[in-house]
């Protein structure tokens, strides 16, 4: 069952889930208001409440983050476990910010391929919802 996640006092299961290696989806809005959903790697910093996606500066993700009123959501799914983070997206080309995002991506996934046109989409997370069943429930599901 989905529930609102307290970003001021996140549950250890929430924090652990965002350290696991999972692909996610990024949803941005096109200029006409329709959603654009694409698979991405995401890192999340609970202290700053920033989710980061690295991508090329000419990608549709970047154009939509700029055109679509800046609203975005990332969703991570693993079986019945899932979390969606929502907030305002901004695009940054600053080399220090991009390098920080690449470092975080490397820690969670692997080193990204070289891309001199890389930017980082930063989502200032304002809301999180999800379903993170307790360990006992997960064990029961795996046995079935």
N, C-alpha and C. Protein backbone atom coordinates (compact mmCIF):
# COMPACT_ATOMS: atom_id res chain seq x y z
N UNK A 1 0.84 -1.17 0.00
CA UNK A 1 0.00 0.00 0.00
C UNK A 1 0.89 1.24 0.00
N UNK A 2 0.58 2.17 -0.87
CA UNK A 2 1.38 3.39 -0.97
C UNK A 2 1.18 4.27 0.26
N UNK A 3 2.27 4.92 0.65
CA UNK A 3 2.17 5.86 1.75
C UNK A 3 3.11 7.02 1.51
N UNK A 4 2.79 8.12 2.13
CA UNK A 4 3.63 9.31 2.07
C UNK A 4 4.87 9.07 2.92
N UNK A 5 6.01 9.46 2.43
CA UNK A 5 7.27 9.27 3.14
C UNK A 5 7.68 10.59 3.76
N UNK A 6 8.01 10.54 5.04
CA UNK A 6 8.43 11.73 5.78
C UNK A 6 9.87 12.05 5.42
N UNK A 7 10.07 13.08 4.63
CA UNK A 7 11.42 13.46 4.20
C UNK A 7 12.23 14.07 5.33
N UNK A 8 11.56 14.54 6.40
CA UNK A 8 12.28 15.08 7.56
C UNK A 8 12.88 13.98 8.41
N UNK A 9 12.27 12.80 8.38
CA UNK A 9 12.74 11.66 9.17
C UNK A 9 12.53 10.39 8.35
N UNK A 10 13.30 10.23 7.27
CA UNK A 10 13.08 9.08 6.40
C UNK A 10 13.42 7.76 7.10
N UNK A 11 12.62 6.76 6.80
CA UNK A 11 12.80 5.42 7.34
C UNK A 11 14.10 4.82 6.80
N UNK A 12 14.81 4.02 7.59
CA UNK A 12 16.03 3.38 7.09
C UNK A 12 15.80 2.54 5.82
N UNK A 13 14.61 1.93 5.68
CA UNK A 13 14.31 1.15 4.48
C UNK A 13 14.30 2.04 3.24
N UNK A 14 13.80 3.26 3.39
CA UNK A 14 13.78 4.24 2.30
C UNK A 14 15.21 4.59 1.89
N UNK A 15 16.04 4.91 2.87
CA UNK A 15 17.42 5.29 2.59
C UNK A 15 18.20 4.13 1.96
N UNK A 16 17.98 2.95 2.48
CA UNK A 16 18.65 1.76 1.94
C UNK A 16 18.23 1.50 0.50
N UNK A 17 16.95 1.65 0.23
CA UNK A 17 16.42 1.42 -1.11
C UNK A 17 17.10 2.33 -2.12
N UNK A 18 17.37 3.56 -1.76
CA UNK A 18 18.00 4.51 -2.68
C UNK A 18 19.51 4.30 -2.80
N UNK A 19 20.08 3.40 -1.99
CA UNK A 19 21.49 3.04 -2.16
C UNK A 19 21.64 1.80 -3.03
N UNK A 20 20.57 1.02 -3.18
CA UNK A 20 20.62 -0.17 -4.03
C UNK A 20 20.70 0.25 -5.50
N UNK A 21 21.24 -0.65 -6.31
CA UNK A 21 21.36 -0.35 -7.74
C UNK A 21 20.07 -0.74 -8.46
N UNK A 22 19.31 0.25 -8.86
CA UNK A 22 18.09 0.04 -9.62
C UNK A 22 17.99 1.11 -10.70
N UNK A 23 17.48 0.74 -11.85
CA UNK A 23 17.13 1.75 -12.84
C UNK A 23 15.84 2.41 -12.39
N UNK A 24 15.62 3.60 -12.86
CA UNK A 24 14.45 4.38 -12.47
C UNK A 24 13.80 4.92 -13.73
N UNK A 25 12.71 5.63 -13.53
CA UNK A 25 12.13 6.39 -14.62
C UNK A 25 12.12 7.86 -14.21
N UNK A 26 12.30 8.71 -15.20
CA UNK A 26 12.18 10.15 -15.02
C UNK A 26 10.96 10.59 -15.82
N UNK A 27 10.05 11.29 -15.17
CA UNK A 27 8.90 11.85 -15.85
C UNK A 27 9.02 13.36 -15.84
N UNK A 28 9.02 13.93 -17.04
CA UNK A 28 9.01 15.38 -17.21
C UNK A 28 7.77 15.71 -18.05
N UNK A 29 7.46 16.98 -18.14
CA UNK A 29 6.29 17.39 -18.91
C UNK A 29 6.72 18.11 -20.19
N UNK A 30 6.09 17.70 -21.28
CA UNK A 30 6.31 18.41 -22.54
C UNK A 30 5.64 19.78 -22.45
N UNK A 31 5.95 20.64 -23.40
CA UNK A 31 5.36 21.99 -23.41
C UNK A 31 3.84 21.94 -23.45
N UNK A 32 3.27 20.87 -24.05
CA UNK A 32 1.81 20.78 -24.12
C UNK A 32 1.20 20.12 -22.88
N UNK A 33 2.04 19.81 -21.88
CA UNK A 33 1.55 19.26 -20.62
C UNK A 33 1.49 17.75 -20.55
N UNK A 34 1.78 17.05 -21.65
CA UNK A 34 1.75 15.59 -21.60
C UNK A 34 3.05 15.06 -21.01
N UNK A 35 2.98 13.91 -20.34
CA UNK A 35 4.19 13.38 -19.70
C UNK A 35 5.13 12.71 -20.68
N UNK A 36 6.41 12.83 -20.41
CA UNK A 36 7.47 12.14 -21.13
C UNK A 36 8.20 11.30 -20.09
N UNK A 37 8.19 9.98 -20.27
CA UNK A 37 8.79 9.06 -19.30
C UNK A 37 9.95 8.34 -19.96
N UNK A 38 11.09 8.31 -19.29
CA UNK A 38 12.27 7.68 -19.86
C UNK A 38 13.07 6.97 -18.76
N UNK A 39 13.71 5.85 -19.09
CA UNK A 39 14.54 5.17 -18.09
C UNK A 39 15.83 5.93 -17.85
N UNK A 40 16.24 6.01 -16.58
CA UNK A 40 17.45 6.74 -16.20
C UNK A 40 18.06 6.11 -14.96
N UNK A 41 19.29 6.50 -14.69
CA UNK A 41 19.91 6.23 -13.41
C UNK A 41 19.72 7.47 -12.56
N UNK A 42 19.41 7.28 -11.30
CA UNK A 42 19.15 8.41 -10.39
C UNK A 42 19.95 8.23 -9.12
N UNK A 43 20.48 9.32 -8.61
CA UNK A 43 21.05 9.30 -7.26
C UNK A 43 20.22 10.24 -6.40
N UNK A 44 20.14 9.92 -5.12
CA UNK A 44 19.35 10.74 -4.20
C UNK A 44 20.17 11.05 -2.97
N UNK A 45 20.21 12.32 -2.61
CA UNK A 45 20.88 12.79 -1.39
C UNK A 45 19.81 13.21 -0.41
N UNK A 46 19.60 12.39 0.61
CA UNK A 46 18.53 12.65 1.59
C UNK A 46 18.80 13.90 2.42
N UNK A 47 20.07 14.23 2.63
CA UNK A 47 20.40 15.42 3.42
C UNK A 47 19.98 16.71 2.73
N UNK A 48 20.18 16.76 1.43
CA UNK A 48 19.83 17.97 0.67
C UNK A 48 18.49 17.83 -0.05
N UNK A 49 17.95 16.61 -0.05
CA UNK A 49 16.70 16.29 -0.76
C UNK A 49 16.81 16.58 -2.25
N UNK A 50 17.95 16.22 -2.82
CA UNK A 50 18.15 16.43 -4.26
C UNK A 50 18.34 15.08 -4.94
N UNK A 51 17.53 14.85 -5.97
CA UNK A 51 17.69 13.70 -6.85
C UNK A 51 18.41 14.21 -8.10
N UNK A 52 19.38 13.44 -8.58
CA UNK A 52 20.18 13.87 -9.72
C UNK A 52 20.12 12.86 -10.85
N UNK A 53 20.02 13.39 -12.08
CA UNK A 53 20.04 12.59 -13.30
C UNK A 53 21.07 13.25 -14.22
N UNK A 54 22.03 12.46 -14.69
CA UNK A 54 22.99 13.00 -15.66
C UNK A 54 22.52 12.63 -17.06
N UNK A 55 22.74 13.55 -18.00
CA UNK A 55 22.28 13.34 -19.38
C UNK A 55 22.98 14.34 -20.29
N UNK A 56 22.79 14.18 -21.58
CA UNK A 56 23.34 15.12 -22.55
C UNK A 56 22.50 16.39 -22.62
N UNK A 57 23.16 17.51 -22.87
CA UNK A 57 22.45 18.80 -22.84
C UNK A 57 21.39 18.94 -23.94
N UNK A 58 21.49 18.14 -25.01
CA UNK A 58 20.51 18.25 -26.08
C UNK A 58 19.39 17.21 -25.97
N UNK A 59 19.32 16.50 -24.85
CA UNK A 59 18.29 15.46 -24.69
C UNK A 59 16.90 16.07 -24.52
N UNK A 60 15.90 15.29 -24.85
CA UNK A 60 14.51 15.72 -24.63
C UNK A 60 14.24 15.91 -23.14
N UNK A 61 14.90 15.12 -22.30
CA UNK A 61 14.73 15.26 -20.85
C UNK A 61 15.05 16.69 -20.42
N UNK A 62 16.14 17.20 -20.93
CA UNK A 62 16.56 18.56 -20.58
C UNK A 62 15.57 19.58 -21.13
N UNK A 63 15.19 19.42 -22.40
CA UNK A 63 14.23 20.36 -22.99
C UNK A 63 12.93 20.37 -22.22
N UNK A 64 12.45 19.20 -21.84
CA UNK A 64 11.19 19.13 -21.10
C UNK A 64 11.32 19.69 -19.69
N UNK A 65 12.47 19.47 -19.06
CA UNK A 65 12.67 20.03 -17.71
C UNK A 65 12.63 21.55 -17.76
N UNK A 66 13.12 22.10 -18.85
CA UNK A 66 13.12 23.56 -19.01
C UNK A 66 11.74 24.07 -19.46
N UNK A 67 11.13 23.39 -20.44
CA UNK A 67 9.86 23.84 -21.02
C UNK A 67 8.65 23.53 -20.15
N UNK A 68 8.68 22.41 -19.45
CA UNK A 68 7.49 21.88 -18.80
C UNK A 68 7.23 22.41 -17.41
N UNK A 69 7.46 23.65 -17.17
CA UNK A 69 7.21 24.31 -15.88
C UNK A 69 8.11 23.77 -14.77
N UNK A 70 9.11 22.96 -15.14
CA UNK A 70 10.08 22.50 -14.17
C UNK A 70 9.64 21.40 -13.23
N UNK A 71 8.47 20.81 -13.45
CA UNK A 71 8.03 19.72 -12.58
C UNK A 71 8.58 18.41 -13.10
N UNK A 72 9.01 17.55 -12.17
CA UNK A 72 9.54 16.25 -12.56
C UNK A 72 9.33 15.25 -11.44
N UNK A 73 9.38 13.98 -11.82
CA UNK A 73 9.29 12.89 -10.84
C UNK A 73 10.22 11.78 -11.29
N UNK A 74 10.85 11.14 -10.31
CA UNK A 74 11.61 9.93 -10.58
C UNK A 74 10.97 8.81 -9.77
N UNK A 75 10.94 7.63 -10.38
CA UNK A 75 10.33 6.48 -9.71
C UNK A 75 11.29 5.30 -9.81
N UNK A 76 11.50 4.64 -8.69
CA UNK A 76 12.34 3.46 -8.62
C UNK A 76 11.46 2.28 -8.21
N UNK A 77 11.58 1.16 -8.92
CA UNK A 77 10.72 -0.01 -8.67
C UNK A 77 11.58 -1.25 -8.55
N UNK A 78 11.23 -2.08 -7.57
CA UNK A 78 11.84 -3.39 -7.42
C UNK A 78 10.76 -4.33 -6.88
N UNK A 79 10.10 -5.04 -7.78
CA UNK A 79 8.98 -5.89 -7.35
C UNK A 79 7.87 -5.03 -6.79
N UNK A 80 7.44 -5.36 -5.56
CA UNK A 80 6.39 -4.56 -4.91
C UNK A 80 6.94 -3.32 -4.23
N UNK A 81 8.25 -3.22 -4.12
CA UNK A 81 8.85 -2.04 -3.50
C UNK A 81 8.99 -0.96 -4.56
N UNK A 82 8.58 0.23 -4.21
CA UNK A 82 8.74 1.35 -5.13
C UNK A 82 8.70 2.66 -4.35
N UNK A 83 9.34 3.67 -4.91
CA UNK A 83 9.29 5.02 -4.35
C UNK A 83 9.30 6.02 -5.51
N UNK A 84 8.44 7.02 -5.41
CA UNK A 84 8.43 8.14 -6.35
C UNK A 84 8.82 9.40 -5.60
N UNK A 85 9.78 10.13 -6.17
CA UNK A 85 10.21 11.42 -5.65
C UNK A 85 9.74 12.50 -6.62
N UNK A 86 9.11 13.53 -6.10
CA UNK A 86 8.58 14.60 -6.95
C UNK A 86 9.15 15.94 -6.52
N UNK A 87 9.32 16.83 -7.48
CA UNK A 87 9.79 18.17 -7.15
C UNK A 87 10.07 19.01 -8.37
N UNK A 88 10.72 20.13 -8.13
CA UNK A 88 11.06 21.07 -9.20
C UNK A 88 12.42 20.69 -9.77
N UNK A 89 12.48 20.60 -11.10
CA UNK A 89 13.72 20.24 -11.78
C UNK A 89 14.40 21.47 -12.35
N UNK A 90 15.71 21.49 -12.19
CA UNK A 90 16.53 22.53 -12.80
C UNK A 90 17.70 21.84 -13.51
N UNK A 91 18.19 22.47 -14.55
CA UNK A 91 19.28 21.91 -15.34
C UNK A 91 20.53 22.73 -15.08
N UNK A 92 21.65 22.03 -14.85
CA UNK A 92 22.91 22.71 -14.55
C UNK A 92 24.02 22.15 -15.43
N UNK A 93 24.82 23.06 -16.00
CA UNK A 93 25.98 22.69 -16.82
C UNK A 93 27.28 23.01 -16.12
N UNK A 94 27.20 23.59 -14.93
CA UNK A 94 28.40 23.95 -14.17
C UNK A 94 29.29 22.72 -14.00
N UNK A 95 30.56 22.79 -14.41
CA UNK A 95 31.45 21.61 -14.36
C UNK A 95 31.56 20.97 -12.97
N UNK A 96 31.55 21.77 -11.91
CA UNK A 96 31.64 21.19 -10.57
C UNK A 96 30.39 20.39 -10.21
N UNK A 97 29.23 20.92 -10.57
CA UNK A 97 27.97 20.20 -10.29
C UNK A 97 27.89 18.93 -11.11
N UNK A 98 28.30 19.01 -12.37
CA UNK A 98 28.26 17.83 -13.23
C UNK A 98 29.22 16.78 -12.69
N UNK A 99 30.43 17.19 -12.30
CA UNK A 99 31.40 16.24 -11.76
C UNK A 99 30.89 15.59 -10.48
N UNK A 100 30.23 16.35 -9.62
CA UNK A 100 29.66 15.79 -8.40
C UNK A 100 28.59 14.76 -8.75
N UNK A 101 27.73 15.08 -9.72
CA UNK A 101 26.68 14.15 -10.13
C UNK A 101 27.28 12.89 -10.75
N UNK A 102 28.34 13.03 -11.53
CA UNK A 102 29.01 11.87 -12.11
C UNK A 102 29.63 10.99 -11.02
N UNK A 103 30.22 11.60 -10.01
CA UNK A 103 30.80 10.84 -8.90
C UNK A 103 29.73 10.04 -8.18
N UNK A 104 28.61 10.68 -7.92
CA UNK A 104 27.50 9.99 -7.24
C UNK A 104 26.96 8.84 -8.10
N UNK A 105 26.84 9.10 -9.40
CA UNK A 105 26.37 8.07 -10.33
C UNK A 105 27.33 6.87 -10.33
N UNK A 106 28.62 7.16 -10.36
CA UNK A 106 29.63 6.10 -10.35
C UNK A 106 29.54 5.26 -9.09
N UNK A 107 29.28 5.90 -7.94
CA UNK A 107 29.16 5.16 -6.68
C UNK A 107 27.96 4.22 -6.71
N UNK A 108 26.88 4.63 -7.32
CA UNK A 108 25.66 3.81 -7.30
C UNK A 108 25.60 2.81 -8.46
N UNK A 109 26.07 3.21 -9.62
CA UNK A 109 25.95 2.36 -10.81
C UNK A 109 27.32 1.91 -11.30
N UNK A 110 27.94 2.72 -12.11
CA UNK A 110 29.28 2.51 -12.66
C UNK A 110 29.69 3.84 -13.28
N UNK A 111 30.95 3.93 -13.69
CA UNK A 111 31.41 5.18 -14.31
C UNK A 111 30.64 5.42 -15.61
N UNK A 112 30.08 6.62 -15.77
CA UNK A 112 29.36 6.91 -17.02
C UNK A 112 30.34 7.06 -18.18
N UNK A 113 29.84 6.81 -19.36
CA UNK A 113 30.69 6.99 -20.54
C UNK A 113 31.04 8.48 -20.66
N UNK A 114 32.19 8.78 -21.24
CA UNK A 114 32.56 10.19 -21.41
C UNK A 114 31.52 10.94 -22.25
N UNK A 115 31.22 12.17 -21.85
CA UNK A 115 30.27 12.99 -22.59
C UNK A 115 30.59 14.46 -22.30
N UNK A 116 31.26 15.13 -23.22
CA UNK A 116 31.62 16.53 -22.97
C UNK A 116 30.40 17.47 -22.92
N UNK A 117 29.25 16.98 -23.37
CA UNK A 117 28.02 17.80 -23.36
C UNK A 117 27.10 17.43 -22.20
N UNK A 118 27.65 16.77 -21.19
CA UNK A 118 26.82 16.30 -20.07
C UNK A 118 26.37 17.48 -19.21
N UNK A 119 25.13 17.37 -18.73
CA UNK A 119 24.56 18.28 -17.75
C UNK A 119 23.93 17.43 -16.65
N UNK A 120 23.50 18.07 -15.60
CA UNK A 120 22.80 17.35 -14.53
C UNK A 120 21.43 18.00 -14.34
N UNK A 121 20.43 17.15 -14.29
CA UNK A 121 19.09 17.59 -13.90
C UNK A 121 18.99 17.35 -12.40
N UNK A 122 18.76 18.41 -11.66
CA UNK A 122 18.61 18.29 -10.21
C UNK A 122 17.14 18.50 -9.86
N UNK A 123 16.59 17.58 -9.11
CA UNK A 123 15.21 17.68 -8.68
C UNK A 123 15.19 17.97 -7.18
N UNK A 124 14.67 19.14 -6.82
CA UNK A 124 14.52 19.51 -5.41
C UNK A 124 13.27 18.79 -4.90
N UNK A 125 13.47 17.69 -4.21
CA UNK A 125 12.37 16.81 -3.84
C UNK A 125 11.50 17.45 -2.76
N UNK A 126 10.22 17.54 -3.07
CA UNK A 126 9.24 18.11 -2.14
C UNK A 126 8.29 17.06 -1.59
N UNK A 127 8.16 15.93 -2.32
CA UNK A 127 7.21 14.90 -1.90
C UNK A 127 7.77 13.54 -2.29
N UNK A 128 7.54 12.57 -1.43
CA UNK A 128 7.91 11.19 -1.72
C UNK A 128 6.78 10.27 -1.29
N UNK A 129 6.43 9.35 -2.15
CA UNK A 129 5.44 8.32 -1.82
C UNK A 129 6.02 6.99 -2.25
N UNK A 130 5.53 5.93 -1.62
CA UNK A 130 6.03 4.63 -2.02
C UNK A 130 5.47 3.49 -1.22
N UNK A 131 6.00 2.34 -1.52
CA UNK A 131 5.63 1.11 -0.84
C UNK A 131 6.92 0.35 -0.55
N UNK A 132 7.27 0.30 0.73
CA UNK A 132 8.46 -0.42 1.16
C UNK A 132 8.05 -1.41 2.24
N UNK A 133 7.58 -2.62 1.82
CA UNK A 133 7.11 -3.60 2.80
C UNK A 133 8.22 -3.97 3.78
N UNK A 134 7.81 -4.36 4.95
CA UNK A 134 8.77 -4.80 5.97
C UNK A 134 9.44 -6.09 5.51
N UNK A 135 10.61 -6.39 6.08
CA UNK A 135 11.40 -7.55 5.68
C UNK A 135 10.62 -8.86 5.76
N UNK A 136 9.84 -9.06 6.81
CA UNK A 136 9.08 -10.30 6.96
C UNK A 136 8.11 -10.48 5.79
N UNK A 137 7.46 -9.42 5.40
CA UNK A 137 6.51 -9.49 4.29
C UNK A 137 7.26 -9.82 3.00
N UNK A 138 8.43 -9.21 2.81
CA UNK A 138 9.22 -9.48 1.62
C UNK A 138 9.66 -10.94 1.57
N UNK A 139 10.05 -11.51 2.72
CA UNK A 139 10.46 -12.91 2.77
C UNK A 139 9.30 -13.82 2.40
N UNK A 140 8.10 -13.52 2.89
CA UNK A 140 6.91 -14.32 2.55
C UNK A 140 6.66 -14.27 1.04
N UNK A 141 6.80 -13.10 0.44
CA UNK A 141 6.58 -12.96 -1.00
C UNK A 141 7.59 -13.78 -1.79
N UNK A 142 8.84 -13.80 -1.35
CA UNK A 142 9.88 -14.51 -2.07
C UNK A 142 9.68 -16.02 -1.97
N UNK A 143 9.08 -16.49 -0.89
CA UNK A 143 8.83 -17.92 -0.72
C UNK A 143 7.68 -18.41 -1.57
N UNK A 144 6.80 -17.52 -1.98
CA UNK A 144 5.63 -17.93 -2.76
C UNK A 144 5.96 -18.11 -4.21
